[in-house]
N, C-alpha and C. Protein backbone atom coordinates (compact mmCIF):
# COMPACT_ATOMS: atom_id res chain seq x y z
N UNK A 1 120.51 95.76 83.00
CA UNK A 1 119.25 95.02 83.02
C UNK A 1 118.96 94.46 84.42
N UNK A 2 120.01 94.07 85.13
CA UNK A 2 119.81 93.54 86.48
C UNK A 2 119.26 94.61 87.42
N UNK A 3 119.71 95.86 87.25
CA UNK A 3 119.25 96.95 88.10
C UNK A 3 117.76 97.18 87.92
N UNK A 4 117.29 97.10 86.69
CA UNK A 4 115.87 97.33 86.42
C UNK A 4 115.03 96.26 87.11
N UNK A 5 115.47 95.03 87.05
CA UNK A 5 114.75 93.93 87.69
C UNK A 5 114.71 94.11 89.20
N UNK A 6 115.82 94.49 89.78
CA UNK A 6 115.88 94.70 91.23
C UNK A 6 114.97 95.85 91.64
N UNK A 7 115.02 96.95 90.91
CA UNK A 7 114.21 98.11 91.25
C UNK A 7 112.73 97.80 91.14
N UNK A 8 112.32 97.13 90.07
CA UNK A 8 110.91 96.78 89.91
C UNK A 8 110.46 95.82 91.00
N UNK A 9 111.31 94.86 91.34
CA UNK A 9 110.99 93.91 92.40
C UNK A 9 110.79 94.61 93.74
N UNK A 10 111.58 95.63 94.01
CA UNK A 10 111.45 96.35 95.28
C UNK A 10 110.32 97.37 95.27
N UNK A 11 109.92 97.85 94.10
CA UNK A 11 108.86 98.84 94.03
C UNK A 11 107.46 98.24 94.14
N UNK A 12 107.32 96.97 93.81
CA UNK A 12 105.99 96.34 93.90
C UNK A 12 105.47 96.34 95.34
N UNK A 13 106.24 95.87 96.33
CA UNK A 13 105.73 95.95 97.71
C UNK A 13 105.53 97.39 98.18
N UNK A 14 106.39 98.30 97.73
CA UNK A 14 106.26 99.70 98.11
C UNK A 14 104.96 100.29 97.58
N UNK A 15 104.60 99.93 96.36
CA UNK A 15 103.33 100.38 95.79
C UNK A 15 102.14 99.82 96.54
N UNK A 16 102.23 98.58 96.96
CA UNK A 16 101.14 97.97 97.73
C UNK A 16 100.99 98.67 99.08
N UNK A 17 102.11 99.01 99.70
CA UNK A 17 102.06 99.71 100.99
C UNK A 17 101.44 101.10 100.84
N UNK A 18 101.77 101.79 99.76
CA UNK A 18 101.16 103.10 99.51
C UNK A 18 99.66 102.95 99.29
N UNK A 19 99.26 101.91 98.56
CA UNK A 19 97.83 101.65 98.35
C UNK A 19 97.14 101.38 99.68
N UNK A 20 97.78 100.63 100.57
CA UNK A 20 97.21 100.35 101.89
C UNK A 20 97.03 101.65 102.67
N UNK A 21 98.00 102.55 102.57
CA UNK A 21 97.89 103.83 103.29
C UNK A 21 96.75 104.68 102.72
N UNK A 22 96.59 104.68 101.42
CA UNK A 22 95.56 105.51 100.80
C UNK A 22 94.16 104.91 100.91
N UNK A 23 94.05 103.59 100.94
CA UNK A 23 92.75 102.90 101.02
C UNK A 23 92.77 101.85 102.13
N UNK A 24 92.81 102.26 103.39
CA UNK A 24 92.93 101.27 104.46
C UNK A 24 91.70 100.37 104.59
N UNK A 25 90.52 100.90 104.32
CA UNK A 25 89.31 100.08 104.45
C UNK A 25 89.29 98.97 103.40
N UNK A 26 89.63 99.31 102.17
CA UNK A 26 89.68 98.31 101.10
C UNK A 26 90.77 97.27 101.38
N UNK A 27 91.90 97.70 101.90
CA UNK A 27 92.99 96.76 102.14
C UNK A 27 92.67 95.82 103.30
N UNK A 28 91.90 96.29 104.28
CA UNK A 28 91.50 95.40 105.37
C UNK A 28 90.56 94.30 104.89
N UNK A 29 89.76 94.61 103.88
CA UNK A 29 88.79 93.63 103.36
C UNK A 29 89.33 92.82 102.19
N UNK A 30 90.54 93.08 101.75
CA UNK A 30 91.10 92.41 100.58
C UNK A 30 91.12 90.89 100.78
N UNK A 31 90.45 90.19 99.90
CA UNK A 31 90.41 88.74 99.96
C UNK A 31 89.38 88.16 100.90
N UNK A 32 88.73 89.00 101.70
CA UNK A 32 87.75 88.51 102.67
C UNK A 32 86.36 89.09 102.45
N UNK A 33 86.17 89.84 101.40
CA UNK A 33 84.89 90.49 101.17
C UNK A 33 83.79 89.46 100.87
N UNK A 34 84.12 88.35 100.28
CA UNK A 34 83.12 87.37 99.89
C UNK A 34 82.54 86.57 101.03
N UNK A 35 83.16 86.58 102.20
CA UNK A 35 82.64 85.78 103.31
C UNK A 35 81.55 86.50 104.08
N UNK A 36 81.32 87.78 103.77
CA UNK A 36 80.29 88.56 104.46
C UNK A 36 79.07 88.74 103.55
N UNK A 37 77.90 88.62 104.13
CA UNK A 37 76.67 88.83 103.36
C UNK A 37 76.44 90.32 103.11
N UNK A 38 76.80 91.14 104.07
CA UNK A 38 76.67 92.59 103.90
C UNK A 38 78.01 93.24 104.25
N UNK A 39 78.11 94.51 103.94
CA UNK A 39 79.36 95.24 104.15
C UNK A 39 79.70 95.29 105.65
N UNK A 40 80.87 94.75 106.05
CA UNK A 40 81.23 94.80 107.47
C UNK A 40 81.61 96.22 107.89
N UNK A 41 81.37 96.51 109.15
CA UNK A 41 81.70 97.83 109.68
C UNK A 41 83.11 97.79 110.27
N UNK A 42 83.97 98.63 109.75
CA UNK A 42 85.35 98.69 110.22
C UNK A 42 85.48 99.91 111.11
N UNK A 43 86.03 99.71 112.29
CA UNK A 43 86.12 100.81 113.25
C UNK A 43 87.17 101.83 112.82
N UNK A 44 87.00 103.03 113.33
CA UNK A 44 87.94 104.11 113.03
C UNK A 44 89.33 103.81 113.60
N UNK A 45 89.37 103.13 114.74
CA UNK A 45 90.68 102.79 115.33
C UNK A 45 91.42 101.77 114.47
N UNK A 46 90.70 100.84 113.85
CA UNK A 46 91.34 99.87 112.97
C UNK A 46 91.91 100.56 111.74
N UNK A 47 91.19 101.55 111.22
CA UNK A 47 91.68 102.29 110.05
C UNK A 47 92.91 103.11 110.42
N UNK A 48 92.87 103.79 111.59
CA UNK A 48 94.04 104.57 112.03
C UNK A 48 95.24 103.66 112.27
N UNK A 49 94.99 102.48 112.85
CA UNK A 49 96.06 101.52 113.10
C UNK A 49 96.71 101.08 111.79
N UNK A 50 95.89 100.78 110.80
CA UNK A 50 96.39 100.33 109.49
C UNK A 50 97.19 101.44 108.81
N UNK A 51 96.69 102.68 108.88
CA UNK A 51 97.40 103.80 108.27
C UNK A 51 98.72 104.06 108.98
N UNK A 52 98.76 103.92 110.31
CA UNK A 52 100.00 104.13 111.05
C UNK A 52 101.04 103.08 110.68
N UNK A 53 100.62 101.83 110.60
CA UNK A 53 101.54 100.76 110.20
C UNK A 53 102.07 100.99 108.79
N UNK A 54 101.20 101.39 107.89
CA UNK A 54 101.62 101.64 106.51
C UNK A 54 102.59 102.82 106.44
N UNK A 55 102.33 103.88 107.20
CA UNK A 55 103.22 105.04 107.19
C UNK A 55 104.59 104.70 107.74
N UNK A 56 104.63 103.92 108.81
CA UNK A 56 105.92 103.49 109.36
C UNK A 56 106.67 102.65 108.33
N UNK A 57 105.97 101.77 107.66
CA UNK A 57 106.60 100.92 106.65
C UNK A 57 107.07 101.75 105.46
N UNK A 58 106.31 102.76 105.06
CA UNK A 58 106.72 103.64 103.96
C UNK A 58 108.03 104.34 104.30
N UNK A 59 108.23 104.67 105.56
CA UNK A 59 109.46 105.34 105.98
C UNK A 59 110.61 104.36 106.14
N UNK A 60 110.37 103.21 106.74
CA UNK A 60 111.44 102.26 107.08
C UNK A 60 111.89 101.43 105.88
N UNK A 61 110.99 101.05 104.99
CA UNK A 61 111.30 100.16 103.86
C UNK A 61 112.43 100.70 102.98
N UNK A 62 112.39 101.96 102.56
CA UNK A 62 113.51 102.45 101.73
C UNK A 62 114.83 102.52 102.50
N UNK A 63 114.76 102.85 103.79
CA UNK A 63 115.98 102.93 104.59
C UNK A 63 116.64 101.56 104.67
N UNK A 64 115.85 100.54 104.92
CA UNK A 64 116.40 99.17 105.00
C UNK A 64 116.99 98.76 103.66
N UNK A 65 116.32 99.07 102.57
CA UNK A 65 116.83 98.71 101.25
C UNK A 65 118.12 99.45 100.92
N UNK A 66 118.20 100.72 101.27
CA UNK A 66 119.43 101.48 101.02
C UNK A 66 120.58 100.91 101.82
N UNK A 67 120.35 100.61 103.09
CA UNK A 67 121.40 100.01 103.92
C UNK A 67 121.84 98.68 103.33
N UNK A 68 120.89 97.86 102.89
CA UNK A 68 121.21 96.57 102.30
C UNK A 68 122.07 96.72 101.05
N UNK A 69 121.68 97.64 100.16
CA UNK A 69 122.44 97.83 98.92
C UNK A 69 123.82 98.41 99.18
N UNK A 70 123.93 99.34 100.10
CA UNK A 70 125.25 99.90 100.43
C UNK A 70 126.15 98.81 100.98
N UNK A 71 125.60 97.95 101.83
CA UNK A 71 126.39 96.87 102.39
C UNK A 71 126.79 95.86 101.32
N UNK A 72 125.84 95.47 100.47
CA UNK A 72 126.12 94.45 99.46
C UNK A 72 127.12 94.92 98.40
N UNK A 73 127.02 96.17 97.99
CA UNK A 73 127.87 96.65 96.91
C UNK A 73 129.15 97.31 97.40
N UNK A 74 129.34 97.37 98.71
CA UNK A 74 130.61 97.88 99.23
C UNK A 74 131.61 96.76 99.48
N UNK A 75 131.16 95.53 99.36
CA UNK A 75 132.06 94.38 99.57
C UNK A 75 133.01 94.20 98.41
């Protein structure tokens, strides 16, 4: 039962990161859409920047978690 809790806890941020990669424009406006009277224009460079950050995190996040678990359970 503990494993299921740990896995679900770690998959929630991973799912959010995948959502950010797939919908960078929506994720940039998350929580701030109400302060604008009309739809703000998001530049292409901001979208590419957000997708690059999300892709790097998608690659690094599992590696860090695997290293952490190997270290914790090898003691």
